[in-house]
N, C-alpha and C. Protein backbone atom coordinates (compact mmCIF):
# COMPACT_ATOMS: atom_id res chain seq x y z
N MET A 1 53.97 5.96 27.25
CA MET A 1 53.69 6.75 28.68
C MET A 1 53.89 8.01 28.91
N GLY A 2 54.79 8.53 27.88
CA GLY A 2 55.02 9.79 28.07
C GLY A 2 53.33 10.72 27.53
N GLY A 3 52.92 10.40 26.57
CA GLY A 3 51.74 10.61 25.90
C GLY A 3 50.66 10.61 26.65
N ARG A 4 50.51 9.42 28.12
CA ARG A 4 49.79 9.44 28.62
C ARG A 4 49.11 10.37 29.74
N TRP A 5 50.57 10.52 30.39
CA TRP A 5 50.55 11.96 31.10
C TRP A 5 50.53 12.88 30.55
N LEU A 6 50.90 13.39 29.14
CA LEU A 6 50.59 14.49 28.67
C LEU A 6 48.94 15.06 28.26
N ARG A 7 48.49 13.80 27.89
CA ARG A 7 46.78 14.03 27.54
C ARG A 7 46.20 14.45 28.96
N LEU A 8 46.62 13.49 30.15
CA LEU A 8 46.00 13.78 32.06
C LEU A 8 46.41 15.14 32.09
N VAL A 9 47.88 15.51 32.14
CA VAL A 9 47.82 17.33 32.40
C VAL A 9 47.19 18.12 31.48
N VAL A 10 47.00 17.61 30.94
CA VAL A 10 45.91 18.73 29.79
C VAL A 10 44.30 18.94 30.32
N LEU A 11 44.26 17.34 30.62
CA LEU A 11 42.68 17.26 30.76
C LEU A 11 42.43 17.95 32.50
N LEU A 12 43.63 17.95 33.03
CA LEU A 12 43.63 17.95 34.49
C LEU A 12 43.41 19.73 34.67
N VAL A 13 44.33 20.27 33.62
CA VAL A 13 43.93 21.51 33.45
C VAL A 13 42.71 22.24 32.75
N ALA A 14 42.08 21.72 31.98
CA ALA A 14 41.25 21.70 31.19
C ALA A 14 40.26 21.91 32.30
N THR A 15 40.08 21.01 33.59
CA THR A 15 39.08 20.97 34.11
C THR A 15 39.19 22.07 34.96
N LEU A 16 40.47 22.32 35.89
CA LEU A 16 40.51 22.89 36.89
C LEU A 16 40.38 24.77 36.86
N VAL A 17 41.14 24.79 35.54
CA VAL A 17 41.34 26.56 34.98
C VAL A 17 40.28 27.09 34.62
N PRO A 18 38.84 26.75 34.05
CA PRO A 18 37.73 27.30 34.11
C PRO A 18 37.04 27.59 35.52
N PRO A 19 36.80 26.57 36.37
CA PRO A 19 35.98 27.16 37.68
C PRO A 19 37.72 28.22 38.52
N MET A 20 38.17 28.14 37.87
CA MET A 20 39.19 28.99 38.80
C MET A 20 39.38 30.44 38.05
N ILE A 21 38.82 30.47 36.95
CA ILE A 21 38.68 31.88 36.04
C ILE A 21 37.17 32.71 36.92
N ALA A 22 36.33 31.39 36.60
CA ALA A 22 34.74 31.74 37.22
C ALA A 22 35.07 32.66 38.57
N SER A 23 35.54 31.80 39.79
CA SER A 23 35.67 32.29 40.91
C SER A 23 36.34 33.57 41.24
N ALA A 24 37.33 33.91 39.86
CA ALA A 24 38.60 35.26 40.29
C ALA A 24 37.76 35.92 39.64
N GLN A 25 36.76 35.79 38.82
CA GLN A 25 35.55 36.88 37.97
C GLN A 25 34.61 37.52 38.92
N PRO A 26 33.39 37.27 39.81
CA PRO A 26 33.06 38.06 41.10
C PRO A 26 34.08 38.63 42.15
N GLN A 27 35.39 37.88 42.34
CA GLN A 27 36.06 38.88 43.07
C GLN A 27 36.58 40.52 42.53
N ALA A 28 36.86 39.72 41.31
CA ALA A 28 37.05 40.98 40.33
C ALA A 28 36.16 41.73 40.38
N THR A 29 34.95 41.63 40.13
CA THR A 29 33.51 43.13 40.15
C THR A 29 33.25 42.96 41.29
N GLY A 30 33.47 42.49 42.36
CA GLY A 30 33.36 42.75 43.96
C GLY A 30 34.35 43.92 44.26
N GLN A 31 35.62 43.83 44.19
CA GLN A 31 36.37 45.03 43.82
C GLN A 31 36.08 46.07 43.22
N ALA A 32 35.75 45.78 42.36
CA ALA A 32 35.33 47.26 41.36
C ALA A 32 34.03 48.13 42.04
N LEU A 33 33.15 47.16 42.12
CA LEU A 33 32.27 47.68 43.46
C LEU A 33 32.79 48.75 44.67
N LEU A 34 33.15 48.18 45.22
CA LEU A 34 33.77 49.14 46.06
C LEU A 34 34.91 50.35 45.89
N ASP A 35 35.29 50.02 44.84
CA ASP A 35 36.09 50.94 44.30
C ASP A 35 35.25 52.22 43.84
N ALA A 36 34.40 51.81 42.74
CA ALA A 36 33.40 52.97 42.51
C ALA A 36 32.46 53.59 43.60
N VAL A 37 32.07 53.02 44.02
CA VAL A 37 31.63 53.45 45.85
C VAL A 37 32.10 54.22 46.05
N ALA A 38 33.62 54.02 46.44
CA ALA A 38 34.93 54.57 47.53
C ALA A 38 34.76 56.12 46.42
N ARG A 39 35.06 56.27 45.39
CA ARG A 39 35.21 57.55 44.36
C ARG A 39 34.09 57.90 44.27
N GLY A 40 32.84 57.21 44.20
CA GLY A 40 31.82 58.38 44.59
C GLY A 40 30.90 58.02 42.65
N ASP A 41 31.99 57.28 42.09
CA ASP A 41 31.11 56.74 40.49
C ASP A 41 29.41 56.23 40.27
N VAL A 42 29.08 56.65 40.46
CA VAL A 42 27.90 56.48 40.40
C VAL A 42 27.10 55.52 39.14
N ALA A 43 27.97 56.27 37.69
CA ALA A 43 27.40 55.59 36.37
C ALA A 43 28.43 54.30 36.78
N SER A 44 29.61 54.04 37.24
CA SER A 44 29.97 52.37 37.26
C SER A 44 29.59 51.47 38.11
N LEU A 45 29.04 52.15 39.11
CA LEU A 45 28.07 51.17 39.96
C LEU A 45 26.92 50.68 39.68
N ASP A 46 26.15 51.76 38.37
CA ASP A 46 24.64 51.29 37.92
C ASP A 46 25.66 49.96 37.02
N ARG A 47 26.31 49.81 36.41
CA ARG A 47 26.76 49.45 35.45
C ARG A 47 27.51 47.68 35.84
N LEU A 48 28.14 48.44 37.17
CA LEU A 48 28.21 47.18 37.87
C LEU A 48 27.21 46.33 38.34
N ILE A 49 26.10 46.94 39.09
CA ILE A 49 25.00 46.02 39.41
C ILE A 49 24.64 45.50 38.36
N ALA A 50 24.30 46.09 37.23
CA ALA A 50 23.66 45.23 36.37
C ALA A 50 23.90 43.97 36.12
N ALA A 51 25.59 44.11 36.05
CA ALA A 51 26.14 42.89 35.35
C ALA A 51 26.01 41.98 36.24
N GLY A 52 25.93 42.22 37.41
CA GLY A 52 25.64 41.03 38.82
C GLY A 52 26.77 40.69 39.67
N ALA A 53 27.54 42.22 39.47
CA ALA A 53 28.40 42.01 40.61
C ALA A 53 27.98 41.80 42.10
N PRO A 54 28.99 41.42 42.67
CA PRO A 54 28.34 40.69 44.07
C PRO A 54 27.88 41.89 45.39
N ILE A 55 27.17 42.33 45.19
CA ILE A 55 26.38 43.28 46.05
C ILE A 55 27.17 43.72 47.69
N ASP A 56 27.23 42.66 48.06
CA ASP A 56 27.96 42.75 49.64
C ASP A 56 29.48 42.56 49.29
N ALA A 57 30.04 42.61 47.93
CA ALA A 57 31.50 42.08 48.27
C ALA A 57 32.44 42.78 49.58
N THR A 58 32.99 42.79 49.86
CA THR A 58 33.74 42.76 51.90
C THR A 58 35.60 43.69 51.45
N ASP A 59 35.82 44.89 51.87
CA ASP A 59 37.57 44.82 51.51
C ASP A 59 37.75 44.13 52.72
N ALA A 60 39.48 45.09 53.18
CA ALA A 60 40.31 44.04 54.36
C ALA A 60 39.61 44.29 55.45
N ALA A 61 38.97 45.19 55.82
CA ALA A 61 38.20 45.82 56.65
C ALA A 61 36.99 45.34 56.64
N GLY A 62 36.28 44.39 56.10
CA GLY A 62 35.14 44.03 56.16
C GLY A 62 33.96 44.70 55.89
N GLN A 63 34.58 45.72 55.33
CA GLN A 63 33.20 47.00 54.56
C GLN A 63 32.69 46.72 53.65
N THR A 64 31.28 46.59 53.50
CA THR A 64 30.67 46.34 52.20
C THR A 64 30.29 47.33 51.49
N PRO A 65 30.43 48.07 50.02
CA PRO A 65 30.23 49.23 49.26
C PRO A 65 28.83 49.82 49.79
N LEU A 66 27.89 49.21 50.07
CA LEU A 66 26.93 49.89 51.13
C LEU A 66 27.14 50.72 52.72
N LEU A 67 28.24 50.21 53.40
CA LEU A 67 28.99 50.86 54.43
C LEU A 67 29.37 51.90 53.78
N LEU A 68 30.35 51.67 52.77
CA LEU A 68 31.13 52.57 52.03
C LEU A 68 30.07 53.70 52.41
N ALA A 69 29.30 53.75 51.33
CA ALA A 69 28.21 54.93 50.63
C ALA A 69 27.70 55.65 52.19
N VAL A 70 27.43 54.73 53.00
CA VAL A 70 27.24 55.54 54.37
C VAL A 70 28.37 56.71 55.03
N GLN A 71 29.57 55.68 55.03
CA GLN A 71 30.55 56.99 55.65
C GLN A 71 30.58 57.59 54.63
N ASN A 72 30.98 57.93 53.44
CA ASN A 72 30.94 58.88 52.45
C ASN A 72 29.50 59.87 52.10
N ASN A 73 28.17 59.52 53.15
CA ASN A 73 27.11 60.23 52.83
C ASN A 73 26.77 60.28 51.22
N ASN A 74 27.13 59.25 50.71
CA ASN A 74 26.28 59.65 48.89
C ASN A 74 25.04 58.67 49.03
N LEU A 75 24.36 59.30 48.68
CA LEU A 75 22.67 59.14 49.10
C LEU A 75 22.65 58.52 47.67
N GLU A 76 22.49 58.75 46.64
CA GLU A 76 22.84 58.08 45.77
C GLU A 76 23.01 56.85 45.64
N ALA A 77 24.24 56.51 46.32
CA ALA A 77 24.84 55.45 45.79
C ALA A 77 24.57 54.46 46.59
N ALA A 78 23.56 55.31 48.35
CA ALA A 78 22.96 54.04 48.88
C ALA A 78 21.94 53.51 48.58
N THR A 79 21.28 54.54 48.09
CA THR A 79 20.03 54.16 47.18
C THR A 79 20.02 52.74 45.59
N ARG A 80 20.59 53.14 45.62
CA ARG A 80 21.39 52.14 44.34
C ARG A 80 21.40 50.72 44.90
N LEU A 81 22.55 51.03 45.80
CA LEU A 81 22.32 49.40 46.48
C LEU A 81 21.66 48.89 46.80
N ILE A 82 20.62 49.60 48.04
CA ILE A 82 19.68 49.10 48.97
C ILE A 82 18.76 48.63 48.41
N GLU A 83 18.24 49.64 46.51
CA GLU A 83 17.38 48.74 46.06
C GLU A 83 17.52 47.38 44.91
N ALA A 84 18.94 47.49 45.32
CA ALA A 84 19.24 46.52 44.51
C ALA A 84 19.97 44.81 45.85
N GLY A 85 18.71 45.01 46.80
CA GLY A 85 19.12 43.88 48.24
C GLY A 85 20.47 43.70 48.72
N ALA A 86 21.26 45.15 48.78
CA ALA A 86 22.12 45.34 49.84
C ALA A 86 22.08 44.84 51.31
N ASN A 87 22.86 44.12 51.96
CA ASN A 87 22.70 43.48 53.23
C ASN A 87 22.57 45.07 53.68
N ILE A 88 21.78 45.27 54.57
CA ILE A 88 21.90 46.50 55.93
C ILE A 88 22.39 46.41 57.00
N ASN A 89 22.12 44.84 57.46
CA ASN A 89 22.94 44.46 58.65
C ASN A 89 24.40 43.74 58.38
N ALA A 90 25.00 43.57 57.57
CA ALA A 90 26.42 43.26 57.05
C ALA A 90 27.26 43.98 58.14
N GLN A 91 27.89 43.08 58.90
CA GLN A 91 28.65 43.68 60.18
C GLN A 91 30.30 43.95 59.79
N ALA A 92 30.60 44.92 59.94
CA ALA A 92 32.21 45.30 59.54
C ALA A 92 32.94 44.50 60.25
N ALA A 93 34.54 44.68 60.24
CA ALA A 93 35.65 44.38 61.36
C ALA A 93 35.52 44.97 62.42
N ASN A 94 35.03 46.61 62.33
CA ASN A 94 34.69 47.86 63.37
C ASN A 94 33.71 47.26 64.34
N ARG A 95 32.87 46.01 63.96
CA ARG A 95 31.61 45.98 64.23
C ARG A 95 30.55 47.10 63.61
N ASP A 96 30.48 47.97 63.11
CA ASP A 96 29.37 49.11 61.88
C ASP A 96 28.57 48.09 61.15
N THR A 97 27.79 48.65 60.98
CA THR A 97 26.83 48.19 60.31
C THR A 97 26.20 49.32 59.51
N PRO A 98 25.92 49.20 58.05
CA PRO A 98 24.58 50.32 57.71
C PRO A 98 24.16 50.47 58.39
N TRP A 99 23.43 50.14 58.93
CA TRP A 99 22.16 51.00 59.21
C TRP A 99 22.92 51.51 61.06
N LEU A 100 23.38 50.52 61.44
CA LEU A 100 24.06 51.26 62.48
C LEU A 100 25.15 52.72 62.39
N LEU A 101 25.75 52.64 61.55
CA LEU A 101 26.61 53.79 61.36
C LEU A 101 25.59 54.93 60.50
N ALA A 102 24.68 54.74 60.06
CA ALA A 102 23.59 55.44 59.42
C ALA A 102 22.89 56.10 60.54
N GLY A 103 22.09 55.37 61.61
CA GLY A 103 22.48 56.06 63.02
C GLY A 103 23.09 56.81 63.68
N ALA A 104 24.44 56.53 63.76
CA ALA A 104 25.26 57.37 64.56
C ALA A 104 25.81 59.07 63.38
N ARG A 105 25.70 58.79 62.27
CA ARG A 105 26.18 59.70 61.26
C ARG A 105 24.58 60.67 61.14
N GLY A 106 23.45 60.50 61.70
CA GLY A 106 22.19 61.13 61.37
C GLY A 106 21.98 60.89 59.84
N ARG A 107 22.52 59.81 59.06
CA ARG A 107 22.18 59.85 57.81
C ARG A 107 20.56 59.15 57.67
N THR A 108 19.72 60.14 57.94
CA THR A 108 17.72 59.85 57.83
C THR A 108 17.37 59.60 56.82
N ALA A 109 17.89 60.17 55.70
CA ALA A 109 17.06 59.85 54.51
C ALA A 109 17.83 57.96 53.92
N MET A 110 19.05 57.48 54.62
CA MET A 110 19.23 56.74 54.25
C MET A 110 18.81 55.42 55.35
N LEU A 111 18.53 55.54 56.58
CA LEU A 111 17.91 55.19 57.50
C LEU A 111 16.31 54.86 56.71
N ARG A 112 15.46 56.05 56.29
CA ARG A 112 14.40 55.16 55.88
C ARG A 112 14.07 54.53 54.91
N LEU A 113 15.27 54.59 53.66
CA LEU A 113 15.41 53.68 53.32
C LEU A 113 15.51 52.44 53.30
N MET A 114 16.26 52.16 54.19
CA MET A 114 16.65 50.60 54.98
C MET A 114 15.74 50.06 56.16
N GLN A 115 14.85 50.98 56.03
CA GLN A 115 13.81 50.18 57.44
C GLN A 115 13.12 49.38 57.18
N PRO A 116 12.61 49.28 55.61
CA PRO A 116 11.54 48.50 55.06
C PRO A 116 12.58 47.20 55.11
N LYS A 117 13.24 47.51 55.01
CA LYS A 117 14.00 46.19 54.56
C LYS A 117 14.86 44.79 55.63
N GLY A 118 14.71 45.75 57.18
CA GLY A 118 14.65 44.63 58.21
C GLY A 118 16.19 44.82 59.19
N PRO A 119 15.89 46.06 59.62
CA PRO A 119 16.86 45.95 60.16
C PRO A 119 17.13 45.48 61.55
N ASP A 120 18.08 44.55 61.52
CA ASP A 120 18.46 43.90 63.29
C ASP A 120 18.49 44.35 64.19
N PHE A 121 18.09 44.72 65.56
CA PHE A 121 17.61 45.02 65.78
C PHE A 121 18.93 44.88 67.35
N SER A 122 19.07 44.10 67.54
CA SER A 122 19.69 43.10 68.17
C SER A 122 21.12 43.50 67.80
N ILE A 123 21.51 43.46 66.52
CA ILE A 123 23.10 43.92 66.16
C ILE A 123 23.73 45.29 67.21
N ARG A 124 24.84 45.05 67.74
CA ARG A 124 25.43 46.28 68.61
C ARG A 124 26.59 47.05 67.56
N ASN A 125 27.11 48.11 67.72
CA ASN A 125 28.41 48.31 68.01
C ASN A 125 29.37 48.24 68.70
N ARG A 126 30.76 48.49 68.38
CA ARG A 126 31.68 48.10 69.44
C ARG A 126 31.82 48.90 70.55
N PHE A 127 30.63 49.60 70.93
CA PHE A 127 30.37 50.27 72.11
C PHE A 127 29.29 49.44 72.79
N GLY A 128 28.84 48.40 72.45
CA GLY A 128 27.75 47.39 72.81
C GLY A 128 26.18 48.74 72.59
N GLY A 129 26.22 49.53 71.50
CA GLY A 129 25.16 50.06 71.68
C GLY A 129 24.52 50.17 70.20
N ASN A 130 23.15 50.60 70.48
CA ASN A 130 22.16 50.67 69.17
C ASN A 130 22.45 51.52 68.48
N ALA A 131 21.72 51.59 67.45
CA ALA A 131 21.55 52.92 66.16
C ALA A 131 20.94 54.05 67.28
N LEU A 132 20.65 53.75 68.14
CA LEU A 132 19.48 55.46 68.69
C LEU A 132 20.93 55.99 69.65
N ILE A 133 21.78 55.43 70.62
CA ILE A 133 22.47 55.77 71.66
C ILE A 133 23.36 57.01 70.51
N PRO A 134 24.05 56.09 69.73
CA PRO A 134 25.32 57.89 69.21
C PRO A 134 24.09 58.71 68.02
N ALA A 135 23.12 58.72 67.97
CA ALA A 135 22.29 59.35 67.37
C ALA A 135 21.63 60.93 68.36
N CYS A 136 21.69 60.01 69.59
CA CYS A 136 20.88 61.06 70.88
C CYS A 136 22.41 62.00 70.90
N GLU A 137 23.32 60.71 71.40
CA GLU A 137 24.52 61.58 71.64
C GLU A 137 25.15 62.92 71.11
N ARG A 138 24.93 62.56 69.21
CA ARG A 138 25.29 63.77 68.80
C ARG A 138 24.15 64.56 68.05
N ALA A 139 22.98 64.32 69.00
CA ALA A 139 21.62 65.57 68.45
C ALA A 139 20.79 65.40 67.48
N HIS A 140 21.24 64.23 66.70
CA HIS A 140 20.95 64.00 65.37
C HIS A 140 19.47 63.70 65.75
N VAL A 141 18.08 65.08 65.45
CA VAL A 141 17.11 65.06 66.02
C VAL A 141 16.32 64.40 64.93
N ASP A 142 16.54 64.70 63.36
CA ASP A 142 15.46 63.85 63.04
C ASP A 142 15.65 62.51 62.55
N THR A 143 17.35 62.02 62.54
CA THR A 143 16.99 60.83 63.20
C THR A 143 16.91 59.74 64.06
N VAL A 144 16.96 60.83 65.13
CA VAL A 144 15.71 60.32 66.55
C VAL A 144 14.57 60.24 66.28
N ALA A 145 14.23 61.41 65.92
CA ALA A 145 12.34 61.01 65.43
C ALA A 145 12.24 59.77 64.80
N LEU A 146 13.12 59.41 64.00
CA LEU A 146 12.50 58.13 62.97
C LEU A 146 13.09 56.95 63.98
N LEU A 147 14.13 56.83 64.87
CA LEU A 147 14.39 55.62 65.41
C LEU A 147 13.11 55.67 66.26
N VAL A 148 13.06 56.20 67.13
CA VAL A 148 11.91 56.17 68.04
C VAL A 148 10.39 55.29 67.90
N THR A 149 10.33 55.38 66.76
CA THR A 149 9.19 54.91 65.46
C THR A 149 9.56 53.57 65.50
N THR A 150 10.49 52.94 65.68
CA THR A 150 10.62 51.57 65.17
C THR A 150 10.78 50.12 66.43
N LYS A 151 11.32 49.25 66.34
CA LYS A 151 11.56 48.67 67.50
C LYS A 151 12.52 48.94 68.01
N ILE A 152 13.52 49.75 67.84
CA ILE A 152 14.32 49.76 68.86
C ILE A 152 14.33 49.81 70.23
N ASP A 153 15.28 49.09 71.20
CA ASP A 153 15.17 49.23 72.21
C ASP A 153 15.72 50.91 73.10
N ILE A 154 14.69 51.37 73.46
CA ILE A 154 15.06 52.93 73.53
C ILE A 154 15.54 52.59 75.10
N ASN A 155 15.43 51.84 76.09
CA ASN A 155 16.05 52.09 77.26
C ASN A 155 17.35 50.86 77.44
N HIS A 156 18.28 50.00 75.87
CA HIS A 156 19.20 49.86 76.04
C HIS A 156 20.52 50.52 76.93
N VAL A 157 20.79 49.47 77.62
CA VAL A 157 22.39 50.09 78.43
C VAL A 157 23.70 49.80 77.78
N ASN A 158 24.38 50.37 76.77
CA ASN A 158 25.37 50.01 76.05
C ASN A 158 27.00 49.23 77.45
N ASN A 159 28.23 49.27 76.69
CA ASN A 159 28.79 48.88 77.69
C ASN A 159 29.87 50.20 78.65
N LEU A 160 29.10 50.92 78.14
CA LEU A 160 29.29 51.92 79.70
C LEU A 160 28.50 52.15 80.84
N GLY A 161 27.68 51.58 80.15
CA GLY A 161 26.46 51.49 81.38
C GLY A 161 25.39 52.70 81.19
N TRP A 162 25.44 53.33 80.13
CA TRP A 162 24.19 54.18 79.77
C TRP A 162 23.32 54.16 78.81
N THR A 163 22.63 54.59 78.88
CA THR A 163 21.26 54.50 78.23
C THR A 163 21.31 55.51 77.20
N CYS A 164 20.30 56.29 76.50
CA CYS A 164 20.47 56.84 75.16
C CYS A 164 19.75 57.88 76.09
N LEU A 165 19.46 58.21 76.86
CA LEU A 165 18.99 59.39 77.78
C LEU A 165 20.72 60.07 78.81
N LEU A 166 21.09 58.92 79.13
CA LEU A 166 22.33 58.78 79.83
C LEU A 166 23.23 60.45 78.89
N GLU A 167 23.31 58.96 77.71
CA GLU A 167 24.52 59.84 76.80
C GLU A 167 23.76 61.04 76.45
N ILE A 168 22.72 61.33 76.50
CA ILE A 168 22.20 62.80 76.39
C ILE A 168 22.89 63.77 76.98
N VAL A 169 22.85 63.44 78.09
CA VAL A 169 23.33 64.26 79.03
C VAL A 169 24.82 64.51 79.27
N ILE A 170 25.47 63.32 79.67
CA ILE A 170 27.02 63.21 80.00
C ILE A 170 27.22 63.82 78.52
N LEU A 171 27.21 63.47 77.94
CA LEU A 171 27.54 63.81 76.31
C LEU A 171 27.40 64.54 75.51
N GLY A 172 26.74 65.08 76.07
CA GLY A 172 25.68 66.66 75.46
C GLY A 172 25.96 67.67 75.45
N ASP A 173 25.41 69.08 75.17
CA ASP A 173 25.21 70.20 75.54
C ASP A 173 24.22 70.72 76.34
N GLY A 174 23.65 70.44 76.64
CA GLY A 174 22.34 70.91 76.97
C GLY A 174 21.91 72.11 76.21
N GLY A 175 22.41 72.09 75.09
CA GLY A 175 21.41 73.28 73.74
C GLY A 175 20.27 72.53 73.62
N PRO A 176 19.59 73.21 72.39
CA PRO A 176 18.71 72.85 71.59
C PRO A 176 18.05 71.87 70.68
N ARG A 177 19.57 71.40 70.28
CA ARG A 177 19.71 69.83 69.79
C ARG A 177 18.94 68.99 70.76
N HIS A 178 20.07 68.90 72.35
CA HIS A 178 19.79 67.82 72.97
C HIS A 178 18.65 68.35 73.23
N VAL A 179 17.75 69.02 73.78
CA VAL A 179 16.94 69.41 74.11
C VAL A 179 15.35 68.53 73.68
N GLU A 180 15.97 69.13 72.76
CA GLU A 180 15.06 67.96 71.54
C GLU A 180 15.17 66.48 71.47
N VAL A 181 15.93 66.37 71.66
CA VAL A 181 15.58 64.73 71.49
C VAL A 181 15.71 64.27 72.78
N THR A 182 15.72 64.82 74.07
CA THR A 182 15.41 64.72 75.38
C THR A 182 14.11 64.16 75.02
N LYS A 183 13.33 65.63 74.74
CA LYS A 183 11.59 65.35 74.46
C LYS A 183 11.31 64.00 73.27
N LEU A 184 12.02 63.60 72.70
CA LEU A 184 12.10 62.63 71.67
C LEU A 184 11.77 61.44 72.52
N VAL A 185 12.70 61.03 72.97
CA VAL A 185 13.52 59.64 73.78
C VAL A 185 11.99 59.86 75.34
N LEU A 186 12.14 60.79 75.62
CA LEU A 186 11.10 60.82 77.19
C LEU A 186 9.56 60.63 76.27
N GLY A 187 9.24 61.11 75.60
CA GLY A 187 7.95 60.88 74.95
C GLY A 187 7.84 59.71 74.12
N ALA A 188 8.59 58.97 73.43
CA ALA A 188 8.30 57.79 73.20
C ALA A 188 8.76 56.33 74.66
N GLY A 189 9.03 56.75 75.64
CA GLY A 189 8.91 55.63 76.48
C GLY A 189 10.48 55.37 77.30
N ALA A 190 11.58 56.07 77.09
CA ALA A 190 12.89 55.96 77.72
C ALA A 190 12.69 56.76 78.81
N ASN A 191 13.20 55.77 79.66
CA ASN A 191 12.54 55.33 81.61
C ASN A 191 13.81 56.61 82.31
N PRO A 192 13.32 57.71 83.01
CA PRO A 192 14.47 58.43 83.17
C PRO A 192 14.66 58.09 84.64
N ASN A 193 14.81 57.07 84.67
CA ASN A 193 15.31 56.87 86.20
C ASN A 193 16.69 55.84 86.13
N ILE A 194 16.87 55.51 85.09
CA ILE A 194 17.61 54.05 84.67
C ILE A 194 19.27 54.81 84.77
N ALA A 195 20.31 54.91 86.34
CA ALA A 195 21.01 54.93 86.12
C ALA A 195 22.32 54.68 86.01
N ASP A 196 23.61 55.41 86.27
CA ASP A 196 24.71 54.79 85.62
C ASP A 196 25.36 53.69 86.31
N ARG A 197 26.28 53.07 85.92
CA ARG A 197 26.97 52.19 86.92
C ARG A 197 27.60 52.58 88.46
N ASP A 198 27.72 53.70 88.83
CA ASP A 198 27.55 54.50 90.04
C ASP A 198 26.66 55.01 90.76
N GLY A 199 25.42 54.51 90.15
CA GLY A 199 24.22 54.98 90.51
C GLY A 199 23.71 56.60 90.47
N VAL A 200 24.34 56.98 89.70
CA VAL A 200 23.66 58.54 88.85
C VAL A 200 22.56 58.50 87.99
N SER A 201 21.36 59.40 88.80
CA SER A 201 20.94 59.54 87.42
C SER A 201 20.92 60.33 86.62
N PRO A 202 19.69 59.99 85.35
CA PRO A 202 19.86 61.17 84.32
C PRO A 202 19.69 62.79 84.77
N LEU A 203 18.89 62.79 86.01
CA LEU A 203 18.24 64.16 86.31
C LEU A 203 19.56 64.75 87.28
N ARG A 204 20.30 63.81 87.62
CA ARG A 204 21.69 64.15 88.96
C ARG A 204 22.52 64.50 87.83
N HIS A 205 22.69 64.03 86.71
CA HIS A 205 23.84 64.46 85.91
C HIS A 205 23.15 65.75 85.15
N ALA A 206 22.23 65.99 85.08
CA ALA A 206 21.80 66.95 84.04
C ALA A 206 22.00 68.08 84.82
N ARG A 207 21.15 68.42 86.25
CA ARG A 207 21.48 69.02 87.06
C ARG A 207 23.55 69.51 87.57
N GLN A 208 24.22 68.67 87.60
CA GLN A 208 25.65 68.91 88.05
C GLN A 208 26.20 69.57 86.54
N ARG A 209 25.54 69.84 85.73
CA ARG A 209 26.00 70.11 84.00
C ARG A 209 25.36 71.18 84.06
N ASN A 210 24.46 71.72 84.51
CA ASN A 210 23.76 72.70 84.72
C ASN A 210 22.86 72.55 83.48
N GLN A 211 22.33 71.66 83.21
CA GLN A 211 21.66 71.46 82.15
C GLN A 211 20.08 71.76 81.91
N ARG A 212 19.64 73.09 82.39
CA ARG A 212 18.53 73.09 83.31
C ARG A 212 17.17 72.87 82.06
N ASP A 213 17.18 73.03 81.11
CA ASP A 213 16.02 72.57 80.51
C ASP A 213 16.00 71.25 79.83
N VAL A 214 17.14 70.45 80.30
CA VAL A 214 16.72 69.07 79.59
C VAL A 214 16.36 68.52 81.62
N ALA A 215 17.30 68.76 82.15
CA ALA A 215 16.75 68.93 83.74
C ALA A 215 15.28 68.39 84.25
N ALA A 216 14.90 69.77 83.55
CA ALA A 216 13.63 69.99 83.98
C ALA A 216 12.75 69.18 82.98
N LEU A 217 13.03 68.77 81.71
CA LEU A 217 12.10 67.76 80.80
C LEU A 217 12.54 66.15 82.06
N ILE A 218 13.53 65.85 82.60
CA ILE A 218 13.10 65.04 82.71
C ILE A 218 12.91 64.29 84.44
N GLU A 219 12.99 65.45 84.77
CA GLU A 219 11.97 65.40 85.95
C GLU A 219 10.35 65.96 85.72
N ALA A 220 9.91 66.63 84.94
CA ALA A 220 8.27 66.19 84.94
C ALA A 220 8.01 64.80 84.34
N ALA A 221 9.02 64.20 83.53
CA ALA A 221 8.59 62.65 83.15
C ALA A 221 9.06 61.60 84.30
N GLY A 222 9.08 62.26 86.02
CA GLY A 222 9.25 61.61 86.83
C GLY A 222 10.85 61.05 87.02
N GLY A 223 11.71 61.64 86.39
CA GLY A 223 13.01 61.49 86.94
C GLY A 223 13.20 61.62 88.75
N ARG A 224 14.33 61.40 89.20
CA ARG A 224 14.42 61.03 90.50
C ARG A 224 16.06 61.35 91.07
């Protein structure tokens, strides 16, 4: 009887251990991939990708290697990951995706690489916005110039009740870069008369802030 039970235990261990080892391997290589991106080790990144490491592994905050590359402004690592098929729409716990964060941070070269990969324009950041709104707020001119050529909703209203044009005025300084992004979004069809939740229009906000050049552009586009 004892011998039979021993054989059963041995058989059970032999059956279970290999799958357990196999499932642990992707987890380990995924973490190694995250670590390589975090420290900017592109050589290790290349080796891990070639070895079949899970390209969209996530850390405790739901961040993928590509999202970390965007955060760290590591174009070389981002390029490797995008070319290897990393998900540009994978959303972390804080609602960031590689596409959304690249827009907010002004990572224009990364956005160009991601664009053919199919950005999901319906995904929103933690403020309910798209990639264009923070890019406009921070006056990332090249980034805005790229984004307005995509299918992004130029008149999207975020959770604060602001469009990209309202963010330019309310959170911008009216300087040359904010003037330039104002030209870009108005030229691409931004509605100059979508007001905030209090009914204050972009033109009124611009005048209240003495942003004369921005106000002139909005008025010329039909703003009231």
